[in-house]
N, C-alpha and C. Protein backbone atom coordinates (compact mmCIF):
# COMPACT_ATOMS: atom_id res chain seq x y z
N UNK A 1 53.93 87.23 92.72
CA UNK A 1 52.63 87.82 92.80
C UNK A 1 52.15 88.10 91.38
N UNK A 2 50.96 87.71 91.09
CA UNK A 2 50.37 87.95 89.78
C UNK A 2 49.35 89.07 89.95
N UNK A 3 49.44 90.07 89.13
CA UNK A 3 48.52 91.20 89.24
C UNK A 3 47.43 91.09 88.18
N UNK A 4 46.20 91.23 88.61
CA UNK A 4 45.06 91.24 87.72
C UNK A 4 44.33 92.55 87.94
N UNK A 5 43.58 92.99 86.96
CA UNK A 5 42.81 94.22 87.10
C UNK A 5 41.77 94.05 88.20
N UNK A 6 41.85 94.89 89.23
CA UNK A 6 40.91 94.95 90.34
C UNK A 6 40.87 93.68 91.17
N UNK A 7 41.92 92.91 91.17
CA UNK A 7 41.99 91.70 91.99
C UNK A 7 43.26 91.76 92.81
N UNK A 8 43.18 91.35 94.05
CA UNK A 8 44.38 91.34 94.87
C UNK A 8 44.87 89.91 95.05
N UNK A 9 46.14 89.78 95.24
CA UNK A 9 46.77 88.48 95.45
C UNK A 9 47.70 88.59 96.65
N UNK A 10 47.69 87.59 97.50
CA UNK A 10 48.63 87.57 98.61
C UNK A 10 49.78 86.65 98.23
N UNK A 11 50.98 87.18 98.33
CA UNK A 11 52.19 86.47 97.93
C UNK A 11 52.84 85.84 99.16
N UNK A 12 52.43 84.63 99.52
CA UNK A 12 52.98 83.95 100.69
C UNK A 12 54.40 83.46 100.44
N UNK A 13 54.76 83.25 99.19
CA UNK A 13 56.06 82.67 98.89
C UNK A 13 57.16 83.70 98.65
N UNK A 14 56.83 84.95 98.57
CA UNK A 14 57.85 85.97 98.34
C UNK A 14 58.44 85.90 96.95
N UNK A 15 57.66 85.55 95.99
CA UNK A 15 58.13 85.37 94.62
C UNK A 15 57.17 86.07 93.69
N UNK A 16 57.68 86.87 92.81
CA UNK A 16 56.84 87.57 91.84
C UNK A 16 56.80 86.76 90.56
N UNK A 17 55.64 86.28 90.22
CA UNK A 17 55.47 85.47 89.02
C UNK A 17 55.90 86.26 87.79
N UNK A 18 56.70 85.64 86.97
CA UNK A 18 57.14 86.28 85.74
C UNK A 18 58.35 87.17 85.91
N UNK A 19 58.73 87.49 87.15
CA UNK A 19 59.86 88.39 87.38
C UNK A 19 61.18 87.64 87.39
N UNK A 20 61.12 86.34 87.52
CA UNK A 20 62.34 85.56 87.60
C UNK A 20 62.07 84.18 87.04
N UNK A 21 63.10 83.56 86.51
CA UNK A 21 62.95 82.18 86.05
C UNK A 21 63.25 81.21 87.18
N UNK A 22 63.75 81.72 88.30
CA UNK A 22 64.04 80.86 89.45
C UNK A 22 62.73 80.43 90.12
N UNK A 23 62.71 79.22 90.68
CA UNK A 23 61.50 78.78 91.37
C UNK A 23 61.30 79.55 92.66
N UNK A 24 60.09 79.55 93.19
CA UNK A 24 59.85 80.20 94.47
C UNK A 24 60.76 79.60 95.54
N UNK A 25 61.20 80.40 96.51
CA UNK A 25 62.13 79.91 97.51
C UNK A 25 61.57 78.82 98.39
N UNK A 26 60.29 78.87 98.73
CA UNK A 26 59.68 77.86 99.58
C UNK A 26 58.19 77.86 99.30
N UNK A 27 57.66 76.70 98.99
CA UNK A 27 56.23 76.60 98.75
C UNK A 27 55.49 76.55 100.08
N UNK A 28 54.35 77.18 100.13
CA UNK A 28 53.54 77.21 101.34
C UNK A 28 52.59 76.03 101.33
N UNK A 29 52.51 75.34 102.47
CA UNK A 29 51.57 74.24 102.62
C UNK A 29 50.28 74.80 103.21
N UNK A 30 49.31 75.08 102.36
CA UNK A 30 48.07 75.70 102.80
C UNK A 30 47.22 74.76 103.65
N UNK A 31 47.50 73.47 103.62
CA UNK A 31 46.71 72.53 104.40
C UNK A 31 47.13 72.48 105.87
N UNK A 32 48.28 73.03 106.20
CA UNK A 32 48.78 72.92 107.57
C UNK A 32 48.64 74.21 108.37
N UNK A 33 48.25 75.31 107.73
CA UNK A 33 48.13 76.59 108.43
C UNK A 33 46.88 77.33 107.96
N UNK A 34 46.34 78.15 108.86
CA UNK A 34 45.24 79.03 108.48
C UNK A 34 45.82 80.26 107.79
N UNK A 35 44.98 81.04 107.13
CA UNK A 35 45.46 82.27 106.50
C UNK A 35 46.07 83.21 107.53
N UNK A 36 45.42 83.44 108.69
CA UNK A 36 46.09 84.29 109.69
C UNK A 36 47.46 83.75 110.13
N UNK A 37 47.58 82.44 110.30
CA UNK A 37 48.89 81.87 110.68
C UNK A 37 49.94 82.16 109.61
N UNK A 38 49.56 82.02 108.36
CA UNK A 38 50.49 82.31 107.26
C UNK A 38 50.92 83.76 107.28
N UNK A 39 49.99 84.65 107.55
CA UNK A 39 50.30 86.08 107.58
C UNK A 39 51.16 86.42 108.79
N UNK A 40 50.82 85.86 109.96
CA UNK A 40 51.61 86.14 111.17
C UNK A 40 53.07 85.71 111.01
N UNK A 41 53.34 84.64 110.29
CA UNK A 41 54.73 84.20 110.12
C UNK A 41 55.53 85.19 109.29
N UNK A 42 54.85 86.09 108.60
CA UNK A 42 55.52 87.09 107.77
C UNK A 42 55.22 88.51 108.24
N UNK A 43 54.66 88.65 109.43
CA UNK A 43 54.16 89.93 109.92
C UNK A 43 55.22 91.01 110.05
N UNK A 44 56.44 90.64 110.33
CA UNK A 44 57.49 91.66 110.49
C UNK A 44 58.03 92.13 109.14
N UNK A 45 57.55 91.53 108.09
CA UNK A 45 58.07 91.83 106.76
C UNK A 45 57.48 93.12 106.20
N UNK A 46 58.34 93.90 105.56
CA UNK A 46 57.84 95.07 104.85
C UNK A 46 57.61 94.74 103.38
N UNK A 47 57.65 93.42 103.07
CA UNK A 47 57.34 92.99 101.70
C UNK A 47 55.88 93.24 101.40
N UNK A 48 55.58 93.49 100.17
CA UNK A 48 54.19 93.69 99.73
C UNK A 48 53.45 92.36 99.81
N UNK A 49 52.29 92.40 100.45
CA UNK A 49 51.47 91.20 100.60
C UNK A 49 50.27 91.23 99.67
N UNK A 50 49.67 92.39 99.50
CA UNK A 50 48.45 92.50 98.71
C UNK A 50 48.52 93.73 97.82
N UNK A 51 48.02 93.57 96.61
CA UNK A 51 48.01 94.67 95.64
C UNK A 51 46.58 94.86 95.16
N UNK A 52 46.15 96.11 95.19
CA UNK A 52 44.83 96.47 94.69
C UNK A 52 45.07 97.33 93.46
N UNK A 53 45.08 96.70 92.31
CA UNK A 53 45.50 97.34 91.07
C UNK A 53 44.64 98.54 90.72
N UNK A 54 43.32 98.43 90.84
CA UNK A 54 42.43 99.52 90.43
C UNK A 54 42.67 100.78 91.27
N UNK A 55 43.06 100.59 92.54
CA UNK A 55 43.31 101.72 93.43
C UNK A 55 44.77 102.16 93.42
N UNK A 56 45.62 101.38 92.81
CA UNK A 56 47.07 101.64 92.83
C UNK A 56 47.57 101.67 94.27
N UNK A 57 47.11 100.69 95.08
CA UNK A 57 47.47 100.59 96.49
C UNK A 57 48.08 99.22 96.74
N UNK A 58 49.11 99.18 97.56
CA UNK A 58 49.66 97.90 98.00
C UNK A 58 49.78 97.92 99.52
N UNK A 59 49.69 96.74 100.13
CA UNK A 59 49.78 96.60 101.58
C UNK A 59 50.92 95.66 101.92
N UNK A 60 51.66 96.00 102.96
CA UNK A 60 52.72 95.10 103.44
C UNK A 60 52.08 94.04 104.34
N UNK A 61 52.86 92.98 104.62
CA UNK A 61 52.37 91.96 105.55
C UNK A 61 52.08 92.58 106.91
N UNK A 62 52.92 93.50 107.37
CA UNK A 62 52.70 94.15 108.67
C UNK A 62 51.37 94.91 108.68
N UNK A 63 51.04 95.60 107.60
CA UNK A 63 49.78 96.34 107.51
C UNK A 63 48.60 95.37 107.45
N UNK A 64 48.76 94.25 106.75
CA UNK A 64 47.69 93.26 106.69
C UNK A 64 47.39 92.73 108.09
N UNK A 65 48.44 92.51 108.92
CA UNK A 65 48.23 92.06 110.29
C UNK A 65 47.42 93.09 111.08
N UNK A 66 47.78 94.36 110.95
CA UNK A 66 47.05 95.42 111.65
C UNK A 66 45.57 95.41 111.26
N UNK A 67 45.29 95.32 109.97
CA UNK A 67 43.91 95.31 109.49
C UNK A 67 43.18 94.04 109.93
N UNK A 68 43.87 92.90 109.87
CA UNK A 68 43.29 91.62 110.25
C UNK A 68 42.90 91.62 111.73
N UNK A 69 43.77 92.17 112.58
CA UNK A 69 43.49 92.21 114.02
C UNK A 69 42.34 93.16 114.34
N UNK A 70 42.24 94.26 113.61
CA UNK A 70 41.12 95.19 113.82
C UNK A 70 39.80 94.52 113.44
N UNK A 71 39.80 93.80 112.33
CA UNK A 71 38.59 93.08 111.92
C UNK A 71 38.23 92.02 112.95
N UNK A 72 39.21 91.26 113.42
CA UNK A 72 38.96 90.21 114.41
C UNK A 72 38.39 90.80 115.69
N UNK A 73 38.94 91.91 116.15
CA UNK A 73 38.43 92.56 117.37
C UNK A 73 36.98 93.00 117.19
N UNK A 74 36.69 93.55 116.03
CA UNK A 74 35.31 93.96 115.74
C UNK A 74 34.35 92.79 115.74
N UNK A 75 34.77 91.68 115.14
CA UNK A 75 33.91 90.50 115.11
C UNK A 75 33.71 89.92 116.51
N UNK A 76 34.78 89.87 117.30
CA UNK A 76 34.66 89.36 118.68
C UNK A 76 33.75 90.24 119.52
N UNK A 77 33.74 91.54 119.25
CA UNK A 77 32.90 92.46 120.02
C UNK A 77 31.41 92.24 119.76
N UNK A 78 31.08 91.52 118.69
CA UNK A 78 29.68 91.23 118.39
C UNK A 78 29.18 89.99 119.12
N UNK A 79 30.10 89.30 119.81
CA UNK A 79 29.71 88.08 120.53
C UNK A 79 30.17 86.81 119.86
N UNK A 80 30.81 86.91 118.71
CA UNK A 80 31.36 85.71 118.08
C UNK A 80 32.41 85.11 118.99
N UNK A 81 32.54 83.81 118.92
CA UNK A 81 33.53 83.11 119.74
C UNK A 81 34.45 82.30 118.84
N UNK A 82 35.65 81.97 119.33
CA UNK A 82 36.55 81.12 118.54
C UNK A 82 35.82 79.84 118.12
N UNK A 83 35.97 79.50 116.86
CA UNK A 83 35.31 78.32 116.31
C UNK A 83 34.02 78.63 115.58
N UNK A 84 33.42 79.80 115.84
CA UNK A 84 32.22 80.20 115.10
C UNK A 84 32.61 80.44 113.64
N UNK A 85 31.68 80.21 112.76
CA UNK A 85 31.94 80.43 111.34
C UNK A 85 31.17 81.65 110.86
N UNK A 86 31.81 82.39 109.97
CA UNK A 86 31.17 83.56 109.38
C UNK A 86 31.44 83.56 107.88
N UNK A 87 30.68 84.34 107.17
CA UNK A 87 30.90 84.55 105.74
C UNK A 87 31.04 86.05 105.53
N UNK A 88 32.10 86.44 104.87
CA UNK A 88 32.30 87.84 104.54
C UNK A 88 32.30 87.97 103.02
N UNK A 89 31.41 88.79 102.51
CA UNK A 89 31.34 89.05 101.07
C UNK A 89 31.60 90.53 100.85
N UNK A 90 32.39 90.84 99.88
CA UNK A 90 32.66 92.23 99.58
C UNK A 90 33.39 92.37 98.27
N UNK A 91 33.50 93.58 97.83
CA UNK A 91 34.24 93.82 96.60
C UNK A 91 35.73 93.90 96.93
N UNK A 92 36.55 93.81 95.92
CA UNK A 92 38.00 93.87 96.10
C UNK A 92 38.45 95.32 96.18
N UNK A 93 38.76 95.77 97.39
CA UNK A 93 39.32 97.09 97.59
C UNK A 93 40.16 97.06 98.86
N UNK A 94 40.93 98.08 99.07
CA UNK A 94 41.91 98.07 100.16
C UNK A 94 41.30 98.36 101.53
N UNK A 95 40.07 98.77 101.60
CA UNK A 95 39.44 99.08 102.90
C UNK A 95 38.86 97.85 103.54
């Protein structure tokens, strides 16, 4: 995971950039899975998934799943259906 000021990064590979000279254990094929699928495969993990440097907050994969499902439920309650496309714009923060 690479940390930047006020930017979050999701570490799908479980490897902290610069922390080791060893290569990442397994590269993720982003073309074969959606972001939710990638997160669900790591949902039971208490590993840190996202870091919000400006807030000094980090989220585990399990917490990201909880937040992701709450957002999905809210979007579905508006009448969106599977396959509909949306655009979400926002600043980088943990909320």
